[in-house]
């Protein structure tokens, strides 16, 4: 705006100075009236021309009224008006504008108070309507957005609001666009920034989610136990029909237990009888096997540099 005013001021100075030079050139001591008239006339002409010069930015449109009636939209760039007859009451910005709005302590459909923050992206597509149909379209858009948001919250369940923000944004955009279209305003999009619920309800929902996760964990654990039991039952049927396999499995389990912890191993007497470890020969063979394996490990460790 300063550059626009500066251009008009420069034009005024140039014209006025040129008029003063011309008045000085025609100055006559005997009759100075002519020079004074030229100086005053140059001042008025410079003022008239500089007042008629207007410059609009690429995103601005000037609403020109002539004697109170709509004349035209001017801009962008350089244009001229008729001073006194023409006035410019509005400069309309045609860029996309963002407006923040919110709804505080608004009840949802399931009577939960929420605070919702949103952002509206809009632009003026009909500058004439925006200037003539409504006094202050910026305030009107803000209030229309807030009332629309409250209406949508009152018709929406809390769960739908927390999970379906995109759907709510689409509904809001449609409602606000219908309200602002007669004003020459088009809504590009609506974004929900945040949905705040009471802290007590937030804690309750957190506990509910935690309980649901624990329930799912217990269900998974129980299902795993059932699958393991089924596999054990299948293995029992296999061992029941093949005593040799059961004997070998029991020997391997006892061997692994002694290898990992050779201090104390508790073995049921029935298992000892089954594996024929009650005799001295059986125990001696098992102990020698374990001792030989430990000796081999010690020798291998000693050979390492």
Protein backbone atom coordinates (compact mmCIF):
# COMPACT_ATOMS: atom_id res chain seq x y z
CA UNK A 1 0.00 0.00 0.00
CA UNK A 2 2.90 2.38 0.67
CA UNK A 3 4.35 1.76 -2.80
CA UNK A 4 0.96 2.57 -4.36
CA UNK A 5 0.71 5.87 -2.44
CA UNK A 6 4.34 6.69 -3.20
CA UNK A 7 3.71 6.36 -6.94
CA UNK A 8 0.79 8.81 -6.75
CA UNK A 9 2.87 11.23 -4.68
CA UNK A 10 5.70 11.13 -7.22
CA UNK A 11 3.27 11.88 -10.06
CA UNK A 12 1.87 14.81 -8.05
CA UNK A 13 5.34 16.25 -7.39
CA UNK A 14 6.42 15.90 -11.03
CA UNK A 15 3.31 17.66 -12.37
CA UNK A 16 3.34 20.37 -9.74
CA UNK A 17 7.04 21.13 -10.20
CA UNK A 18 6.57 21.25 -13.99
CA UNK A 19 3.73 23.73 -13.47
CA UNK A 20 5.87 25.86 -11.17
CA UNK A 21 8.67 25.98 -13.76
CA UNK A 22 6.18 27.04 -16.42
CA UNK A 23 4.72 29.70 -14.10
CA UNK A 24 8.21 30.99 -13.35
CA UNK A 25 9.01 31.15 -17.07
CA UNK A 26 5.92 33.28 -17.72
CA UNK A 27 6.36 35.44 -14.64
CA UNK A 28 5.95 39.18 -15.20
CA UNK A 29 6.64 41.66 -12.45
CA UNK A 30 4.12 44.10 -13.88
CA UNK A 31 1.37 41.46 -14.06
CA UNK A 32 2.09 38.44 -11.76
CA UNK A 33 -1.56 37.26 -11.80
CA UNK A 34 -1.00 35.02 -14.81
CA UNK A 35 1.90 33.19 -13.13
CA UNK A 36 -0.12 32.73 -9.94
CA UNK A 37 -3.03 31.28 -11.90
CA UNK A 38 -0.69 28.85 -13.67
CA UNK A 39 0.85 27.77 -10.35
CA UNK A 40 -2.56 27.21 -8.73
CA UNK A 41 -3.84 25.45 -11.83
CA UNK A 42 -0.82 23.13 -11.91
CA UNK A 43 -1.40 22.30 -8.25
CA UNK A 44 -5.05 21.41 -8.85
CA UNK A 45 -4.23 19.44 -11.99
CA UNK A 46 -1.46 17.49 -10.24
CA UNK A 47 -3.81 16.77 -7.33
CA UNK A 48 -6.58 15.60 -9.68
CA UNK A 49 -4.37 13.31 -11.74
CA UNK A 50 -2.54 11.80 -8.76
CA UNK A 51 -5.89 11.13 -7.03
CA UNK A 52 -7.19 9.33 -10.10
CA UNK A 53 -4.24 6.92 -10.29
CA UNK A 54 -4.78 3.58 -8.54
CA UNK A 55 -2.71 0.39 -8.50
CA UNK A 56 -4.09 -3.04 -7.59
CA UNK A 57 -1.93 -6.03 -6.66
CA UNK A 58 -2.36 -9.29 -8.62
CA UNK A 59 -4.62 -10.70 -5.87
CA UNK A 60 -6.66 -7.51 -5.30
CA UNK A 61 -9.88 -6.34 -6.95
CA UNK A 62 -11.14 -2.79 -6.38
CA UNK A 63 -14.89 -2.24 -6.09
CA UNK A 64 -15.59 1.12 -7.76
CA UNK A 65 -18.79 3.04 -6.95
CA UNK A 66 -19.83 6.10 -8.94
CA UNK A 67 -22.15 8.43 -7.05
CA UNK A 68 -23.22 5.53 -4.83
CA UNK A 69 -23.92 3.06 -7.66
CA UNK A 70 -21.81 0.06 -8.54
CA UNK A 71 -19.59 0.96 -11.48
CA UNK A 72 -17.11 -1.87 -12.01
CA UNK A 73 -14.38 -4.09 -10.62
CA UNK A 74 -10.87 -2.86 -11.35
CA UNK A 75 -7.50 -4.51 -11.18
CA UNK A 76 -4.99 -5.92 -11.14
CA UNK A 77 -2.42 -3.37 -12.23
CA UNK A 78 -2.75 0.34 -13.00
CA UNK A 79 -6.19 1.90 -13.49
CA UNK A 80 -7.84 5.31 -13.22
CA UNK A 81 -10.94 6.64 -11.51
CA UNK A 82 -12.70 9.99 -11.55
CA UNK A 83 -11.98 11.76 -8.25
CA UNK A 84 -14.99 12.91 -6.22
CA UNK A 85 -17.38 10.98 -8.49
CA UNK A 86 -15.77 7.56 -8.00
CA UNK A 87 -14.96 5.92 -4.69
CA UNK A 88 -13.40 2.57 -3.73
CA UNK A 89 -15.03 1.33 -0.52
CA UNK A 90 -13.59 -2.23 -0.72
CA UNK A 91 -10.41 -3.93 -1.85
CA UNK A 92 -11.28 -7.63 -2.19
CA UNK A 93 -8.54 -10.22 -1.67
CA UNK A 94 -9.01 -13.13 -4.12
CA UNK A 95 -6.43 -15.43 -2.52
CA UNK A 96 -7.25 -18.47 -0.38
CA UNK A 97 -7.78 -17.29 3.20
CA UNK A 98 -7.62 -19.37 6.39
CA UNK A 99 -9.98 -18.80 9.30
CA UNK A 100 -9.74 -20.62 12.65
CA UNK A 101 -12.94 -21.35 14.53
CA UNK A 102 -13.95 -23.50 17.49
CA UNK A 103 -16.88 -24.87 19.44
CA UNK A 104 -16.45 -25.01 23.23
CA UNK A 105 -18.39 -27.23 25.64
CA UNK A 106 -20.70 -28.48 22.93
CA UNK A 107 -22.70 -31.66 23.63
CA UNK A 108 -22.42 -34.55 21.21
CA UNK A 109 -25.33 -36.80 20.32
CA UNK A 110 -24.48 -39.03 23.32
CA UNK A 111 -24.33 -35.93 25.62
CA UNK A 112 -20.56 -35.67 26.01
CA UNK A 113 -19.15 -32.10 26.22
CA UNK A 114 -16.29 -31.57 23.75
CA UNK A 115 -14.09 -28.71 22.56
CA UNK A 116 -13.38 -28.81 18.84
CA UNK A 117 -10.85 -26.64 16.96
CA UNK A 118 -11.05 -26.39 13.16
CA UNK A 119 -9.61 -24.41 10.25
CA UNK A 120 -11.56 -23.15 7.24
CA UNK A 121 -9.93 -22.57 3.82
CA UNK A 122 -11.99 -20.28 1.60
CA UNK A 123 -11.76 -17.67 -1.16
CA UNK A 124 -13.95 -14.99 -2.73
CA UNK A 125 -15.02 -16.04 -6.23
CA UNK A 126 -17.58 -13.25 -6.81
CA UNK A 127 -16.18 -9.93 -5.61
CA UNK A 128 -19.34 -8.00 -6.45
CA UNK A 129 -21.51 -10.18 -4.20
CA UNK A 130 -18.94 -10.07 -1.40
CA UNK A 131 -18.99 -6.26 -1.52
CA UNK A 132 -22.70 -5.61 -2.03
CA UNK A 133 -24.60 -8.56 -0.50
CA UNK A 134 -23.07 -8.55 2.99
CA UNK A 135 -21.52 -5.89 5.20
CA UNK A 136 -18.57 -7.89 6.63
CA UNK A 137 -18.08 -11.25 4.95
CA UNK A 138 -15.08 -12.13 7.14
CA UNK A 139 -17.10 -12.02 10.36
CA UNK A 140 -20.09 -13.65 8.69
CA UNK A 141 -17.97 -16.60 7.53
CA UNK A 142 -16.51 -17.03 11.02
CA UNK A 143 -19.94 -17.09 12.68
CA UNK A 144 -21.43 -19.36 10.01
CA UNK A 145 -18.56 -21.81 10.52
CA UNK A 146 -19.02 -21.90 14.30
CA UNK A 147 -22.78 -22.49 14.13
CA UNK A 148 -22.31 -25.20 11.50
CA UNK A 149 -19.70 -26.91 13.67
CA UNK A 150 -22.03 -26.89 16.68
CA UNK A 151 -24.84 -28.36 14.59
CA UNK A 152 -22.64 -31.19 13.33
CA UNK A 153 -21.29 -31.97 16.82
CA UNK A 154 -24.84 -32.19 18.21
CA UNK A 155 -25.74 -34.80 15.56
CA UNK A 156 -22.60 -36.92 15.90
CA UNK A 157 -21.62 -39.61 18.40
CA UNK A 158 -18.34 -39.12 20.25
CA UNK A 159 -16.81 -42.30 18.83
CA UNK A 160 -17.66 -41.23 15.27
CA UNK A 161 -16.15 -37.80 15.92
CA UNK A 162 -12.88 -39.25 17.22
CA UNK A 163 -12.53 -41.83 14.45
CA UNK A 164 -14.15 -40.13 11.44
CA UNK A 165 -12.67 -36.63 11.26
CA UNK A 166 -12.49 -36.69 7.47
CA UNK A 167 -16.20 -37.47 7.21
CA UNK A 168 -17.08 -34.65 9.63
CA UNK A 169 -14.84 -32.27 7.69
CA UNK A 170 -16.68 -33.13 4.47
CA UNK A 171 -20.07 -32.53 6.07
CA UNK A 172 -18.90 -29.19 7.51
CA UNK A 173 -17.52 -28.08 4.16
CA UNK A 174 -20.83 -28.80 2.45
CA UNK A 175 -22.90 -26.97 5.08
CA UNK A 176 -20.66 -23.89 5.24
CA UNK A 177 -20.37 -23.69 1.46
CA UNK A 178 -24.16 -23.66 1.12
CA UNK A 179 -24.39 -20.79 3.62
CA UNK A 180 -21.61 -18.66 2.12
CA UNK A 181 -22.27 -19.17 -1.60
CA UNK A 182 -24.86 -16.31 -1.76
CA UNK A 183 -22.10 -14.02 -0.47
CA UNK A 184 -19.75 -14.93 -3.34
CA UNK A 185 -17.53 -17.08 -1.11
CA UNK A 186 -16.40 -20.61 -1.96
CA UNK A 187 -15.19 -23.05 0.73
CA UNK A 188 -12.19 -25.09 -0.41
CA UNK A 189 -11.84 -27.37 2.60
CA UNK A 190 -12.35 -27.73 6.35
CA UNK A 191 -9.79 -29.39 8.64
CA UNK A 192 -10.46 -30.58 12.20
CA UNK A 193 -7.39 -29.68 14.26
CA UNK A 194 -8.24 -31.13 17.66
CA UNK A 195 -11.07 -32.72 19.63
CA UNK A 196 -10.77 -32.28 23.42
CA UNK A 197 -12.85 -34.35 25.83
CA UNK A 198 -13.10 -34.11 29.66
CA UNK A 199 -10.08 -35.52 31.50
CA UNK A 200 -12.23 -37.94 33.55
CA UNK A 201 -13.72 -39.40 30.39
CA UNK A 202 -10.30 -39.58 28.80
CA UNK A 203 -8.98 -41.58 31.78
CA UNK A 204 -12.00 -43.90 31.63
CA UNK A 205 -11.48 -44.49 27.91
CA UNK A 206 -7.80 -45.19 28.54
CA UNK A 207 -8.67 -47.76 31.22
CA UNK A 208 -11.23 -49.32 28.91
CA UNK A 209 -8.67 -49.61 26.12
CA UNK A 210 -6.13 -51.13 28.53
CA UNK A 211 -8.69 -53.66 29.78
CA UNK A 212 -9.54 -54.56 26.19
CA UNK A 213 -5.87 -55.16 25.41
CA UNK A 214 -5.49 -57.34 28.52
CA UNK A 215 -8.58 -59.32 27.53
CA UNK A 216 -7.19 -59.91 24.07
CA UNK A 217 -3.84 -60.99 25.57
CA UNK A 218 -5.58 -63.49 27.85
CA UNK A 219 -7.65 -64.84 24.98
CA UNK A 220 -4.52 -65.32 22.89
CA UNK A 221 -2.72 -66.99 25.81
CA UNK A 222 -5.68 -69.33 26.42
CA UNK A 223 -5.85 -70.23 22.75
CA UNK A 224 -2.11 -70.97 22.79
CA UNK A 225 -2.54 -73.23 25.85
CA UNK A 226 -5.36 -75.07 24.07
CA UNK A 227 -3.21 -75.64 21.00
CA UNK A 228 -0.32 -76.89 23.17
CA UNK A 229 -2.66 -79.25 25.01
CA UNK A 230 -3.93 -80.61 21.71
CA UNK A 231 -0.38 -81.25 20.54
CA UNK A 232 0.48 -82.96 23.84
CA UNK A 233 -2.59 -85.19 23.44
CA UNK A 234 -1.48 -86.14 19.94
CA UNK A 235 2.05 -86.86 21.23
CA UNK A 236 0.65 -89.00 24.05
CA UNK A 237 -1.24 -91.13 21.55
CA UNK A 238 1.97 -91.55 19.54
CA UNK A 239 3.99 -92.57 22.58
CA UNK A 240 1.23 -94.90 23.82
CA UNK A 241 1.50 -96.96 20.64
CA UNK A 242 5.34 -96.79 20.56
CA UNK A 243 7.04 -97.44 23.97
CA UNK A 244 10.51 -97.28 22.37
CA UNK A 245 9.90 -93.70 21.24
CA UNK A 246 8.73 -92.74 24.74
CA UNK A 247 11.87 -94.34 26.20
CA UNK A 248 14.16 -92.41 23.84
CA UNK A 249 12.32 -89.13 24.50
CA UNK A 250 12.60 -89.60 28.28
CA UNK A 251 16.31 -90.38 27.99
CA UNK A 252 16.88 -87.27 25.90
CA UNK A 253 14.97 -85.02 28.33
CA UNK A 254 16.95 -86.35 31.29
CA UNK A 255 20.21 -85.96 29.39
CA UNK A 256 19.44 -82.35 28.49
CA UNK A 257 18.51 -81.57 32.09
CA UNK A 258 21.73 -83.03 33.47
CA UNK A 259 23.79 -81.25 30.82
CA UNK A 260 22.39 -77.83 31.70
CA UNK A 261 22.21 -78.32 35.48
CA UNK A 262 24.07 -81.39 36.74
CA UNK A 263 23.65 -80.53 40.43
CA UNK A 264 20.15 -81.91 41.15
CA UNK A 265 17.64 -83.44 38.78
CA UNK A 266 14.30 -84.69 40.10
CA UNK A 267 13.04 -87.63 38.09
CA UNK A 268 9.80 -89.52 38.85
CA UNK A 269 10.36 -93.13 39.88
CA UNK A 270 8.07 -94.31 37.11
CA UNK A 271 10.31 -92.55 34.58
CA UNK A 272 13.41 -94.15 36.14
CA UNK A 273 11.85 -97.57 35.85
CA UNK A 274 10.75 -96.89 32.29
CA UNK A 275 14.21 -95.75 31.23
CA UNK A 276 15.84 -98.66 33.18
CA UNK A 277 18.02 -96.23 35.12
CA UNK A 278 17.42 -98.01 38.45
CA UNK A 279 20.37 -100.29 37.80
CA UNK A 280 23.92 -99.20 38.46
CA UNK A 281 24.90 -99.84 34.85
CA UNK A 282 22.33 -97.43 33.52
CA UNK A 283 23.32 -94.62 35.86
CA UNK A 284 27.02 -95.21 35.21
CA UNK A 285 26.53 -95.06 31.45
CA UNK A 286 24.52 -91.84 31.67
CA UNK A 287 27.06 -90.19 34.03
CA UNK A 288 30.01 -91.24 31.86
CA UNK A 289 28.36 -89.79 28.79
CA UNK A 290 27.82 -86.44 30.48
CA UNK A 291 31.35 -86.41 31.92
CA UNK A 292 32.87 -87.21 28.54
CA UNK A 293 31.01 -84.33 26.90
CA UNK A 294 32.19 -81.88 29.58
CA UNK A 295 35.78 -83.09 29.17
CA UNK A 296 35.59 -82.54 25.43
CA UNK A 297 34.33 -78.98 25.98
CA UNK A 298 37.14 -78.25 28.47
CA UNK A 299 39.80 -79.56 26.05
CA UNK A 300 38.40 -77.46 23.22
CA UNK A 301 38.44 -74.33 25.42
CA UNK A 302 42.04 -75.02 26.49
CA UNK A 303 43.22 -75.31 22.89
CA UNK A 304 41.88 -71.87 21.98
CA UNK A 305 44.62 -69.16 22.06
